């Protein structure tokens, strides 16, 4: 670290071994009985590097470069069902930030994300052999403008656009408001859109522990939703201390959603696109 340059790098390593199911004490000396066992072994390595360059200290103007990569392999069996997945990820981001006076701030940047899944085992061969290798790369650009007309009010407006090799172009807007009418109360409101690519087997491999047959729709689409939220923070003096009470409410309206249906048939799990409305209310 120098007055005009800050750098941080790191590495994370994980080895996880999990065993479940029946053990030898359940066999009762019956050699013809085959126990039900589950084994899940995972190894993961992550690398990251964050580098910031200060261009103008008076305006808090800076440029940052963030690069990260990871490799994750998971080898598992659920009785005679075998599912192994090998995931690689690369992420890179270029970020620019600057303040224009005391009331205006701009953040803009470019980023790139690459995910690759190599899937092996009799499960993938049975249900989705065409997806042994699945890859998605997404490149995008974004900008966020923050306006603070008075000390107790902040408004932030953001917009990003991305291009995915699987889902093509999509645009993601968002907005945040913060208002403190008195010193003991903060009010916040937000609205924004979100997208998510679903990967059926890596995200739902736990369902292989059941004896259900998997039915997967051929045209699963990228998930899309609008999210709206409101929160408040109260700072109440109690016996010389400060009691902080937080409340929040969020509403999510799904425009496209991947549904996991476990109810239509007790012997089948269905993965399909949403038909009809889907929404959630969360309050705490």
Protein backbone atom coordinates (compact mmCIF):
# COMPACT_ATOMS: atom_id res chain seq x y z
CA UNK A 1 0.00 0.00 0.00
CA UNK A 2 1.21 3.50 -0.94
CA UNK A 3 -0.52 6.90 -0.76
CA UNK A 4 -1.84 6.37 -4.32
CA UNK A 5 -2.00 2.60 -4.67
CA UNK A 6 -3.76 -0.10 -2.61
CA UNK A 7 -3.57 -3.81 -3.34
CA UNK A 8 -5.02 -6.87 -1.66
CA UNK A 9 -4.71 -10.49 -2.76
CA UNK A 10 -5.69 -13.76 -1.20
CA UNK A 11 -6.28 -17.46 -1.59
CA UNK A 12 -8.88 -19.78 -0.06
CA UNK A 13 -8.68 -23.56 0.01
CA UNK A 14 -11.47 -25.93 1.07
CA UNK A 15 -11.64 -29.72 1.39
CA UNK A 16 -15.00 -31.05 2.57
CA UNK A 17 -15.91 -34.71 3.15
CA UNK A 18 -19.45 -35.79 4.00
CA UNK A 19 -20.83 -39.28 4.55
CA UNK A 20 -24.43 -40.18 5.26
CA UNK A 21 -26.91 -43.03 5.02
CA UNK A 22 -26.76 -46.46 6.61
CA UNK A 23 -23.64 -47.75 8.39
CA UNK A 24 -22.34 -51.20 9.23
CA UNK A 25 -24.25 -51.46 12.51
CA UNK A 26 -27.54 -51.48 10.58
CA UNK A 27 -26.67 -54.62 8.59
CA UNK A 28 -27.42 -57.10 11.42
CA UNK A 29 -25.02 -59.64 9.89
CA UNK A 30 -27.14 -59.90 6.75
CA UNK A 31 -24.62 -60.20 3.93
CA UNK A 32 -27.36 -59.97 1.30
CA UNK A 33 -28.39 -56.51 2.47
CA UNK A 34 -26.78 -53.60 0.60
CA UNK A 35 -26.72 -50.44 2.75
CA UNK A 36 -27.91 -47.09 1.42
CA UNK A 37 -24.95 -44.69 1.50
CA UNK A 38 -24.33 -41.11 0.45
CA UNK A 39 -20.84 -39.70 -0.09
CA UNK A 40 -20.11 -36.13 -1.07
CA UNK A 41 -16.49 -34.99 -1.46
CA UNK A 42 -15.74 -31.40 -2.45
CA UNK A 43 -12.52 -29.50 -3.10
CA UNK A 44 -12.35 -25.78 -3.80
CA UNK A 45 -9.63 -23.22 -4.52
CA UNK A 46 -10.26 -19.46 -4.85
CA UNK A 47 -7.82 -16.71 -5.85
CA UNK A 48 -8.50 -12.98 -5.88
CA UNK A 49 -6.65 -9.71 -6.38
CA UNK A 50 -8.00 -6.19 -5.76
CA UNK A 51 -5.96 -3.19 -6.91
CA UNK A 52 -6.93 0.46 -6.51
CA UNK A 53 -5.24 3.53 -8.04
CA UNK A 54 -6.01 6.98 -6.60
CA UNK A 55 -6.07 9.58 -9.39
CA UNK A 56 -7.24 12.66 -7.46
CA UNK A 57 -7.53 12.69 -3.68
CA UNK A 58 -9.53 15.92 -3.57
CA UNK A 59 -12.32 14.41 -5.69
CA UNK A 60 -11.92 10.86 -4.36
CA UNK A 61 -11.25 9.88 -7.96
CA UNK A 62 -9.92 6.36 -8.38
CA UNK A 63 -9.69 3.37 -10.68
CA UNK A 64 -9.84 -0.23 -9.45
CA UNK A 65 -9.15 -3.57 -11.06
CA UNK A 66 -10.59 -6.72 -9.50
CA UNK A 67 -9.73 -10.20 -10.73
CA UNK A 68 -10.77 -13.53 -9.23
CA UNK A 69 -10.88 -17.17 -10.19
CA UNK A 70 -12.03 -20.41 -8.64
CA UNK A 71 -12.05 -24.14 -9.23
CA UNK A 72 -14.54 -26.44 -7.50
CA UNK A 73 -14.95 -30.18 -7.90
CA UNK A 74 -17.66 -32.23 -6.25
CA UNK A 75 -17.77 -36.03 -6.48
CA UNK A 76 -20.85 -37.64 -5.02
CA UNK A 77 -22.91 -40.79 -5.00
CA UNK A 78 -26.43 -41.35 -3.70
CA UNK A 79 -26.55 -45.15 -3.45
CA UNK A 80 -25.96 -46.23 -7.06
CA UNK A 81 -26.54 -42.72 -8.48
CA UNK A 82 -23.23 -41.05 -9.37
CA UNK A 83 -22.91 -37.34 -10.04
CA UNK A 84 -19.58 -35.52 -10.39
CA UNK A 85 -19.26 -31.86 -11.32
CA UNK A 86 -16.17 -29.76 -12.02
CA UNK A 87 -16.75 -25.99 -12.01
CA UNK A 88 -14.38 -23.24 -13.14
CA UNK A 89 -15.04 -19.51 -12.79
CA UNK A 90 -13.20 -16.37 -13.89
CA UNK A 91 -14.33 -12.85 -12.96
CA UNK A 92 -12.77 -9.50 -13.91
CA UNK A 93 -13.96 -5.95 -13.24
CA UNK A 94 -12.71 -2.45 -14.07
CA UNK A 95 -14.18 0.26 -11.83
CA UNK A 96 -14.04 4.06 -12.02
CA UNK A 97 -15.26 6.32 -9.17
CA UNK A 98 -15.29 10.08 -8.74
CA UNK A 99 -17.06 12.84 -6.79
CA UNK A 100 -18.18 16.09 -8.42
CA UNK A 101 -18.53 18.58 -5.61
CA UNK A 102 -20.19 17.62 -2.36
CA UNK A 103 -23.47 16.44 -3.89
CA UNK A 104 -22.65 14.28 -6.90
CA UNK A 105 -20.87 10.96 -7.23
CA UNK A 106 -20.39 8.70 -10.25
CA UNK A 107 -19.38 5.03 -10.32
CA UNK A 108 -19.00 3.24 -13.65
CA UNK A 109 -17.34 0.08 -14.81
CA UNK A 110 -16.96 -2.94 -17.03
CA UNK A 111 -17.00 -6.57 -15.95
CA UNK A 112 -16.78 -10.08 -17.31
CA UNK A 113 -17.84 -13.41 -15.80
CA UNK A 114 -17.24 -16.94 -17.11
CA UNK A 115 -18.74 -20.11 -15.65
CA UNK A 116 -17.98 -23.60 -16.90
CA UNK A 117 -19.46 -26.87 -15.64
CA UNK A 118 -18.20 -30.32 -16.62
CA UNK A 119 -20.69 -32.92 -15.42
CA UNK A 120 -20.09 -36.66 -15.31
CA UNK A 121 -21.76 -39.80 -13.92
CA UNK A 122 -24.71 -42.05 -14.66
CA UNK A 123 -27.18 -39.38 -13.50
CA UNK A 124 -26.18 -36.85 -16.16
CA UNK A 125 -26.01 -39.63 -18.77
CA UNK A 126 -29.54 -40.69 -17.92
CA UNK A 127 -31.30 -37.34 -17.69
CA UNK A 128 -29.27 -34.75 -19.60
CA UNK A 129 -26.35 -36.16 -21.61
CA UNK A 130 -26.35 -33.06 -23.86
CA UNK A 131 -25.37 -30.99 -20.80
CA UNK A 132 -22.18 -32.83 -19.88
CA UNK A 133 -20.41 -29.54 -20.55
CA UNK A 134 -22.25 -26.27 -19.88
CA UNK A 135 -20.62 -22.86 -20.19
CA UNK A 136 -21.78 -19.25 -19.93
CA UNK A 137 -19.83 -16.03 -20.38
CA UNK A 138 -21.36 -12.64 -19.57
CA UNK A 139 -19.84 -9.24 -20.39
CA UNK A 140 -21.42 -6.02 -19.15
CA UNK A 141 -21.15 -2.33 -18.38
CA UNK A 142 -22.80 -0.29 -15.63
CA UNK A 143 -23.07 3.19 -14.14
CA UNK A 144 -24.37 4.51 -10.81
CA UNK A 145 -25.11 8.14 -10.04
CA UNK A 146 -25.56 9.32 -6.46
CA UNK A 147 -27.10 12.68 -5.60
CA UNK A 148 -27.06 14.17 -2.08
CA UNK A 149 -28.89 17.54 -2.28
CA UNK A 150 -29.00 17.86 1.53
CA UNK A 151 -27.16 16.06 4.29
CA UNK A 152 -30.08 13.86 5.32
CA UNK A 153 -31.23 12.72 1.85
CA UNK A 154 -29.46 10.48 -0.69
CA UNK A 155 -30.72 9.24 -4.06
CA UNK A 156 -28.89 6.64 -6.14
CA UNK A 157 -29.83 5.54 -9.65
CA UNK A 158 -28.07 2.66 -11.41
CA UNK A 159 -28.26 0.99 -14.79
CA UNK A 160 -26.33 -1.91 -16.26
CA UNK A 161 -26.51 -3.86 -19.48
CA UNK A 162 -25.08 -7.34 -20.09
CA UNK A 163 -24.69 -9.78 -22.92
CA UNK A 164 -24.79 -13.52 -22.26
CA UNK A 165 -23.86 -16.15 -24.82
CA UNK A 166 -26.87 -18.15 -23.55
CA UNK A 167 -29.49 -15.43 -23.05
CA UNK A 168 -28.22 -12.52 -25.19
CA UNK A 169 -28.91 -8.91 -24.10
CA UNK A 170 -30.59 -7.91 -20.84
CA UNK A 171 -30.83 -4.60 -18.95
CA UNK A 172 -30.89 -4.22 -15.16
CA UNK A 173 -32.04 -0.92 -13.57
CA UNK A 174 -32.14 -0.13 -9.85
CA UNK A 175 -32.81 2.80 -7.50
CA UNK A 176 -32.12 3.48 -3.81
CA UNK A 177 -33.37 6.28 -1.54
CA UNK A 178 -32.27 7.16 1.99
CA UNK A 179 -33.88 9.83 4.17
CA UNK A 180 -33.22 10.73 7.82
CA UNK A 181 -36.03 13.11 8.90
CA UNK A 182 -34.66 13.19 12.47
CA UNK A 183 -31.36 12.07 13.97
CA UNK A 184 -32.88 8.93 15.53
CA UNK A 185 -34.57 7.58 12.37
CA UNK A 186 -33.29 6.38 8.97
CA UNK A 187 -35.69 5.47 6.17
CA UNK A 188 -34.64 3.54 3.05
CA UNK A 189 -36.46 2.44 -0.09
CA UNK A 190 -35.25 0.48 -3.10
CA UNK A 191 -36.45 -0.96 -6.39
CA UNK A 192 -34.60 -2.99 -8.97
CA UNK A 193 -34.60 -5.80 -11.45
CA UNK A 194 -32.63 -9.03 -11.31
CA UNK A 195 -31.75 -11.95 -13.56
CA UNK A 196 -30.36 -15.41 -12.79
CA UNK A 197 -29.19 -18.30 -14.92
CA UNK A 198 -30.21 -21.69 -13.50
CA UNK A 199 -27.97 -24.75 -13.55
CA UNK A 200 -30.23 -27.69 -12.67
CA UNK A 201 -27.84 -30.39 -11.48
CA UNK A 202 -25.24 -28.39 -9.48
CA UNK A 203 -27.97 -26.44 -7.67
CA UNK A 204 -30.31 -29.36 -6.92
CA UNK A 205 -28.08 -32.41 -6.52
CA UNK A 206 -29.48 -32.98 -3.01
CA UNK A 207 -32.73 -34.17 -4.63
CA UNK A 208 -30.85 -37.22 -5.90
CA UNK A 209 -31.10 -38.61 -2.37
CA UNK A 210 -34.73 -39.49 -3.10
CA UNK A 211 -35.97 -42.15 -5.51
CA UNK A 212 -37.82 -39.63 -7.70
CA UNK A 213 -37.39 -39.54 -11.45
CA UNK A 214 -36.33 -36.18 -12.86
CA UNK A 215 -38.38 -34.51 -15.61
CA UNK A 216 -36.63 -31.40 -16.98
CA UNK A 217 -38.23 -29.04 -19.50
CA UNK A 218 -36.23 -28.49 -22.68
CA UNK A 219 -36.61 -24.69 -22.84
CA UNK A 220 -35.69 -23.48 -19.34
CA UNK A 221 -35.30 -19.71 -19.48
CA UNK A 222 -33.27 -17.23 -17.47
CA UNK A 223 -35.07 -16.17 -14.29
CA UNK A 224 -36.27 -12.55 -14.14
CA UNK A 225 -37.80 -10.62 -11.24
CA UNK A 226 -38.58 -7.13 -9.93
CA UNK A 227 -37.78 -6.46 -6.28
CA UNK A 228 -39.11 -3.62 -4.12
CA UNK A 229 -38.14 -2.92 -0.54
CA UNK A 230 -38.52 -0.55 2.40
CA UNK A 231 -36.57 -0.50 5.66
CA UNK A 232 -36.24 1.70 8.73
CA UNK A 233 -33.74 2.01 11.57
CA UNK A 234 -34.64 3.52 14.93
CA UNK A 235 -31.94 4.64 17.37
CA UNK A 236 -33.50 4.79 20.85
CA UNK A 237 -31.54 5.92 23.95
CA UNK A 238 -31.93 3.43 26.82
CA UNK A 239 -30.02 3.88 30.11
CA UNK A 240 -27.16 5.74 28.46
CA UNK A 241 -26.91 3.22 25.62
CA UNK A 242 -28.45 3.10 22.14
CA UNK A 243 -31.10 0.52 21.24
CA UNK A 244 -31.19 -0.08 17.48
CA UNK A 245 -34.52 -1.40 16.12
CA UNK A 246 -34.68 -2.36 12.45
CA UNK A 247 -37.72 -3.19 10.33
CA UNK A 248 -37.79 -4.18 6.67
CA UNK A 249 -40.27 -5.29 4.03
CA UNK A 250 -39.50 -6.71 0.58
CA UNK A 251 -41.77 -7.71 -2.27
CA UNK A 252 -40.51 -9.78 -5.21
CA UNK A 253 -42.51 -10.14 -8.42
CA UNK A 254 -41.21 -12.97 -10.62
CA UNK A 255 -41.69 -12.43 -14.34
CA UNK A 256 -39.84 -15.64 -15.25
CA UNK A 257 -39.01 -18.35 -12.77
CA UNK A 258 -37.81 -21.94 -12.77
CA UNK A 259 -40.19 -24.05 -10.69
CA UNK A 260 -39.22 -27.21 -8.78
CA UNK A 261 -42.47 -29.18 -8.51
CA UNK A 262 -42.46 -31.93 -5.87
CA UNK A 263 -46.25 -32.10 -5.43
CA UNK A 264 -47.79 -33.11 -8.76
CA UNK A 265 -46.41 -36.65 -8.58
CA UNK A 266 -44.81 -38.24 -5.49
CA UNK A 267 -42.45 -40.25 -7.73
CA UNK A 268 -41.29 -37.39 -9.99
CA UNK A 269 -39.58 -34.02 -9.55
CA UNK A 270 -40.48 -31.58 -12.34
CA UNK A 271 -38.24 -28.68 -13.41
CA UNK A 272 -40.16 -26.26 -15.62
CA UNK A 273 -40.74 -22.59 -16.41
CA UNK A 274 -43.27 -20.63 -14.39
CA UNK A 275 -46.82 -20.62 -15.71
CA UNK A 276 -48.91 -18.00 -13.98
CA UNK A 277 -48.00 -15.60 -11.18
CA UNK A 278 -45.28 -15.96 -8.59
CA UNK A 279 -44.39 -13.46 -5.86
CA UNK A 280 -43.10 -13.27 -2.31
CA UNK A 281 -43.60 -10.95 0.66
CA UNK A 282 -40.93 -10.76 3.36
CA UNK A 283 -41.22 -8.75 6.57
CA UNK A 284 -39.01 -8.78 9.65
